Amino acid sequence: MTPHQQAFMEAYLDTLSEAERGAIPQMVAEHFCADECNANECARLIAAGIKRASCSLKAGYEQANEPLPTVGRLSLVLNWAQQPVCIVRLTEVSICPFEAVEAAFAAAEGEGDGTLAWWRDAHMAFFTAFAREVGVPFNPQSELVLERFEKVYPG
């Protein structure tokens, strides 16, 4: 984290008890999405409390040899310019085939018109391109890592 990002995270951590701080399994700083327009829009939606979920391709974690996200993880949400926007706490992690994602999850993602049809179209295009880029397969049966989170800072 940059010093500015670290100071933003520390401002939140200072509001927690020692026990609460000790219970945090991971802390990351990240922007959502792979391009400036969508990264900034996702940061705005998260800060507004509209976007409360996200997903990623499980094969991407495996290919990069990275661990899956853990409930309780804090994410410093960044805009494309890497400036802190807010902090979210991961409340749920599950694995689900792309084709089995439900409308409630699509709505919680808070993007587009909030429908499952919009979600499927947008994410089919995104995951197809991402999978090609990192050299992993993608099809409707591919497993996704579904994450639900809550904004914790600023309140």
C-alpha atoms as a PDB file:
ATOM      1  CA  MET A   1       0.000   0.000   0.000  1.00  0.00           C
ATOM      2  CA  THR A   2       1.120   3.535  -0.640  1.00  0.00           C
ATOM      3  CA  PRO A   3       1.538   5.816   2.381  1.00  0.00           C
ATOM      4  CA  HIS A   4      -1.762   7.563   1.505  1.00  0.00           C
ATOM      5  CA  GLN A   5      -3.575   4.230   1.198  1.00  0.00           C
ATOM      6  CA  GLN A   6      -2.033   3.008   4.461  1.00  0.00           C
ATOM      7  CA  ALA A   7      -3.129   6.196   6.274  1.00  0.00           C
ATOM      8  CA  PHE A   8      -6.705   5.672   5.022  1.00  0.00           C
ATOM      9  CA  MET A   9      -6.675   2.069   6.272  1.00  0.00           C
ATOM     10  CA  GLU A  10      -5.145   3.115   9.613  1.00  0.00           C
ATOM     11  CA  ALA A  11      -7.916   5.701  10.114  1.00  0.00           C
ATOM     12  CA  TYR A  12     -10.416   2.828   9.998  1.00  0.00           C
ATOM     13  CA  LEU A  13      -8.296   0.425  12.044  1.00  0.00           C
ATOM     14  CA  ASP A  14      -8.017   3.084  14.774  1.00  0.00           C
ATOM     15  CA  THR A  15     -11.800   2.780  15.272  1.00  0.00           C
ATOM     16  CA  LEU A  16     -11.502  -0.932  16.120  1.00  0.00           C
ATOM     17  CA  SER A  17     -10.642  -2.656  19.364  1.00  0.00           C
ATOM     18  CA  GLU A  18      -7.444  -4.663  19.624  1.00  0.00           C
ATOM     19  CA  ALA A  19      -9.483  -7.876  19.429  1.00  0.00           C
ATOM     20  CA  GLU A  20     -11.307  -6.698  16.308  1.00  0.00           C
ATOM     21  CA  ARG A  21      -8.026  -5.763  14.653  1.00  0.00           C
ATOM     22  CA  GLY A  22      -6.541  -9.135  15.548  1.00  0.00           C
ATOM     23  CA  ALA A  23      -9.468 -10.952  13.940  1.00  0.00           C
ATOM     24  CA  ILE A  24      -8.806  -9.480  10.467  1.00  0.00           C
ATOM     25  CA  PRO A  25      -7.426 -12.335   8.332  1.00  0.00           C
ATOM     26  CA  GLN A  26      -6.298 -10.283   5.331  1.00  0.00           C
ATOM     27  CA  MET A  27      -6.046  -6.671   4.170  1.00  0.00           C
ATOM     28  CA  VAL A  28      -5.735  -5.707   0.523  1.00  0.00           C
ATOM     29  CA  ALA A  29      -5.893  -2.549  -1.565  1.00  0.00           C
ATOM     30  CA  GLU A  30      -7.542  -3.038  -4.953  1.00  0.00           C
ATOM     31  CA  HIS A  31      -9.660  -1.545  -7.661  1.00  0.00           C
ATOM     32  CA  PHE A  32     -12.558  -3.477  -9.113  1.00  0.00           C
ATOM     33  CA  CYS A  33     -12.780  -4.236 -12.864  1.00  0.00           C
ATOM     34  CA  ALA A  34     -10.113  -4.127 -15.527  1.00  0.00           C
ATOM     35  CA  ASP A  35     -10.541  -0.677 -17.073  1.00  0.00           C
ATOM     36  CA  GLU A  36     -10.682   2.921 -15.850  1.00  0.00           C
ATOM     37  CA  CYS A  37     -14.352   3.637 -16.558  1.00  0.00           C
ATOM     38  CA  ASN A  38     -15.642   0.482 -14.849  1.00  0.00           C
ATOM     39  CA  ALA A  39     -13.149   0.660 -11.974  1.00  0.00           C
ATOM     40  CA  ASN A  40     -14.260   4.190 -11.147  1.00  0.00           C
ATOM     41  CA  GLU A  41     -17.938   3.290 -11.523  1.00  0.00           C
ATOM     42  CA  CYS A  42     -17.573   0.248  -9.260  1.00  0.00           C
ATOM     43  CA  ALA A  43     -15.786   2.347  -6.630  1.00  0.00           C
ATOM     44  CA  ARG A  44     -18.633   4.878  -6.795  1.00  0.00           C
ATOM     45  CA  LEU A  45     -21.290   2.161  -6.483  1.00  0.00           C
ATOM     46  CA  ILE A  46     -19.500   0.541  -3.530  1.00  0.00           C
ATOM     47  CA  ALA A  47     -19.084   3.881  -1.735  1.00  0.00           C
ATOM     48  CA  ALA A  48     -22.796   4.572  -2.267  1.00  0.00           C
ATOM     49  CA  GLY A  49     -23.716   1.170  -0.774  1.00  0.00           C
ATOM     50  CA  ILE A  50     -25.247  -0.017  -4.060  1.00  0.00           C
ATOM     51  CA  LYS A  51     -22.615  -2.592  -5.001  1.00  0.00           C
ATOM     52  CA  ARG A  52     -22.387  -5.197  -2.225  1.00  0.00           C
ATOM     53  CA  ALA A  53     -21.001  -8.162  -4.132  1.00  0.00           C
ATOM     54  CA  SER A  54     -18.405  -9.135  -6.699  1.00  0.00           C
ATOM     55  CA  CYS A  55     -17.146 -12.278  -8.381  1.00  0.00           C
ATOM     56  CA  SER A  56     -14.058 -13.668 -10.020  1.00  0.00           C
ATOM     57  CA  LEU A  57     -13.043 -16.718 -11.984  1.00  0.00           C
ATOM     58  CA  LYS A  58     -11.821 -19.456  -9.641  1.00  0.00           C
ATOM     59  CA  ALA A  59      -9.391 -20.742 -12.274  1.00  0.00           C
ATOM     60  CA  GLY A  60      -7.690 -17.346 -12.193  1.00  0.00           C
ATOM     61  CA  TYR A  61      -6.762 -17.856  -8.531  1.00  0.00           C
ATOM     62  CA  GLU A  62      -5.542 -21.368  -9.267  1.00  0.00           C
ATOM     63  CA  GLN A  63      -3.495 -20.280 -12.277  1.00  0.00           C
ATOM     64  CA  ALA A  64      -1.870 -17.467 -10.261  1.00  0.00           C
ATOM     65  CA  ASN A  65      -1.414 -19.805  -7.254  1.00  0.00           C
ATOM     66  CA  GLU A  66      -3.235 -17.288  -5.039  1.00  0.00           C
ATOM     67  CA  PRO A  67      -5.433 -18.198  -2.066  1.00  0.00           C
ATOM     68  CA  LEU A  68      -9.156 -17.551  -2.277  1.00  0.00           C
ATOM     69  CA  PRO A  69     -10.505 -14.549  -0.365  1.00  0.00           C
ATOM     70  CA  THR A  70     -11.345 -15.123   3.306  1.00  0.00           C
ATOM     71  CA  VAL A  71     -14.416 -13.914   5.207  1.00  0.00           C
ATOM     72  CA  GLY A  72     -13.399 -10.942   7.330  1.00  0.00           C
ATOM     73  CA  ARG A  73     -10.849  -9.650   4.816  1.00  0.00           C
ATOM     74  CA  LEU A  74     -10.698  -5.878   4.541  1.00  0.00           C
ATOM     75  CA  SER A  75     -10.426  -4.377   1.075  1.00  0.00           C
ATOM     76  CA  LEU A  76      -9.369  -0.791   0.595  1.00  0.00           C
ATOM     77  CA  VAL A  77     -11.395   0.062  -2.510  1.00  0.00           C
ATOM     78  CA  LEU A  78      -9.388   2.176  -4.911  1.00  0.00           C
ATOM     79  CA  ASN A  79     -10.357   4.126  -7.991  1.00  0.00           C
ATOM     80  CA  TRP A  80      -8.350   3.675 -11.184  1.00  0.00           C
ATOM     81  CA  ALA A  81      -5.902   6.383 -10.041  1.00  0.00           C
ATOM     82  CA  GLN A  82      -5.191   4.192  -6.969  1.00  0.00           C
ATOM     83  CA  GLN A  83      -6.804   6.704  -4.590  1.00  0.00           C
ATOM     84  CA  PRO A  84      -8.711   5.289  -1.590  1.00  0.00           C
ATOM     85  CA  VAL A  85     -12.490   5.513  -1.855  1.00  0.00           C
ATOM     86  CA  CYS A  86     -13.773   3.344   1.005  1.00  0.00           C
ATOM     87  CA  ILE A  87     -13.173   0.100   2.901  1.00  0.00           C
ATOM     88  CA  VAL A  88     -15.313  -3.034   2.709  1.00  0.00           C
ATOM     89  CA  ARG A  89     -15.342  -6.172   4.861  1.00  0.00           C
ATOM     90  CA  LEU A  90     -15.927  -9.533   3.200  1.00  0.00           C
ATOM     91  CA  THR A  91     -18.982 -11.212   4.755  1.00  0.00           C
ATOM     92  CA  GLU A  92     -19.442 -14.290   2.563  1.00  0.00           C
ATOM     93  CA  VAL A  93     -17.442 -16.338   0.058  1.00  0.00           C
ATOM     94  CA  SER A  94     -18.938 -19.146  -2.004  1.00  0.00           C
ATOM     95  CA  ILE A  95     -18.157 -21.102  -5.157  1.00  0.00           C
ATOM     96  CA  CYS A  96     -20.775 -21.368  -7.885  1.00  0.00           C
ATOM     97  CA  PRO A  97     -20.820 -22.312 -11.574  1.00  0.00           C
ATOM     98  CA  PHE A  98     -21.331 -19.274 -13.806  1.00  0.00           C
ATOM     99  CA  GLU A  99     -24.635 -20.660 -15.119  1.00  0.00           C
ATOM    100  CA  ALA A 100     -26.026 -21.125 -11.570  1.00  0.00           C
ATOM    101  CA  VAL A 101     -25.543 -17.540 -10.355  1.00  0.00           C
ATOM    102  CA  GLU A 102     -28.902 -16.316  -9.078  1.00  0.00           C
ATOM    103  CA  ALA A 103     -30.752 -13.063  -9.670  1.00  0.00           C
ATOM    104  CA  ALA A 104     -30.265 -11.961  -6.052  1.00  0.00           C
ATOM    105  CA  PHE A 105     -26.495 -12.099  -6.470  1.00  0.00           C
ATOM    106  CA  ALA A 106     -26.638 -10.197  -9.762  1.00  0.00           C
ATOM    107  CA  ALA A 107     -28.728  -7.522  -8.051  1.00  0.00           C
ATOM    108  CA  ALA A 108     -26.252  -7.317  -5.155  1.00  0.00           C
ATOM    109  CA  GLU A 109     -23.461  -6.654  -7.665  1.00  0.00           C
ATOM    110  CA  GLY A 110     -25.329  -3.406  -8.332  1.00  0.00           C
ATOM    111  CA  GLU A 111     -24.143  -2.899 -11.900  1.00  0.00           C
ATOM    112  CA  GLY A 112     -26.056  -2.229 -15.102  1.00  0.00           C
ATOM    113  CA  ASP A 113     -29.814  -2.535 -14.723  1.00  0.00           C
ATOM    114  CA  GLY A 114     -29.458  -5.036 -11.868  1.00  0.00           C
ATOM    115  CA  THR A 115     -31.021  -7.929 -13.753  1.00  0.00           C
ATOM    116  CA  LEU A 116     -29.620 -11.419 -14.097  1.00  0.00           C
ATOM    117  CA  ALA A 117     -29.796 -11.101 -17.906  1.00  0.00           C
ATOM    118  CA  TRP A 118     -27.620  -7.960 -17.851  1.00  0.00           C
ATOM    119  CA  TRP A 119     -25.236  -9.590 -15.379  1.00  0.00           C
ATOM    120  CA  ARG A 120     -24.866 -12.729 -17.510  1.00  0.00           C
ATOM    121  CA  ASP A 121     -24.195 -10.800 -20.725  1.00  0.00           C
ATOM    122  CA  ALA A 122     -21.640  -8.466 -19.127  1.00  0.00           C
ATOM    123  CA  HIS A 123     -19.874 -11.190 -17.167  1.00  0.00           C
ATOM    124  CA  MET A 124     -19.824 -13.701 -20.032  1.00  0.00           C
ATOM    125  CA  ALA A 125     -17.939 -11.120 -22.101  1.00  0.00           C
ATOM    126  CA  PHE A 126     -15.644 -10.174 -19.212  1.00  0.00           C
ATOM    127  CA  PHE A 127     -14.754 -13.726 -18.145  1.00  0.00           C
ATOM    128  CA  THR A 128     -14.284 -14.916 -21.742  1.00  0.00           C
ATOM    129  CA  ALA A 129     -11.737 -12.146 -22.342  1.00  0.00           C
ATOM    130  CA  PHE A 130     -10.087 -12.605 -18.924  1.00  0.00           C
ATOM    131  CA  ALA A 131      -9.767 -16.374 -19.352  1.00  0.00           C
ATOM    132  CA  ARG A 132      -8.187 -15.931 -22.771  1.00  0.00           C
ATOM    133  CA  GLU A 133      -5.766 -13.354 -21.340  1.00  0.00           C
ATOM    134  CA  VAL A 134      -4.551 -15.579 -18.494  1.00  0.00           C
ATOM    135  CA  GLY A 135      -4.722 -18.849 -20.398  1.00  0.00           C
ATOM    136  CA  VAL A 136      -7.480 -20.677 -18.541  1.00  0.00           C
ATOM    137  CA  PRO A 137     -10.705 -22.161 -19.907  1.00  0.00           C
ATOM    138  CA  PHE A 138     -14.090 -20.500 -19.455  1.00  0.00           C
ATOM    139  CA  ASN A 139     -17.574 -21.802 -20.183  1.00  0.00           C
ATOM    140  CA  PRO A 140     -20.985 -21.633 -18.469  1.00  0.00           C
ATOM    141  CA  GLN A 141     -19.958 -24.437 -16.079  1.00  0.00           C
ATOM    142  CA  SER A 142     -16.775 -22.638 -14.957  1.00  0.00           C
ATOM    143  CA  GLU A 143     -16.657 -21.964 -11.236  1.00  0.00           C
ATOM    144  CA  LEU A 144     -16.805 -18.436  -9.914  1.00  0.00           C
ATOM    145  CA  VAL A 145     -15.787 -17.141  -6.512  1.00  0.00           C
ATOM    146  CA  LEU A 146     -18.777 -15.134  -5.277  1.00  0.00           C
ATOM    147  CA  GLU A 147     -18.037 -12.497  -2.662  1.00  0.00           C
ATOM    148  CA  ARG A 148     -20.476 -10.467  -0.603  1.00  0.00           C
ATOM    149  CA  PHE A 149     -19.244  -7.510   1.412  1.00  0.00           C
ATOM    150  CA  GLU A 150     -20.334  -4.527   3.464  1.00  0.00           C
ATOM    151  CA  LYS A 151     -18.919  -1.028   3.447  1.00  0.00           C
ATOM    152  CA  VAL A 152     -17.389  -0.322   6.831  1.00  0.00           C
ATOM    153  CA  TYR A 153     -15.530   2.969   6.265  1.00  0.00           C
ATOM    154  CA  PRO A 154     -16.291   5.747   5.975  1.00  0.00           C
ATOM    155  CA  GLY A 155     -19.655   5.172   7.637  1.00  0.00           C
END
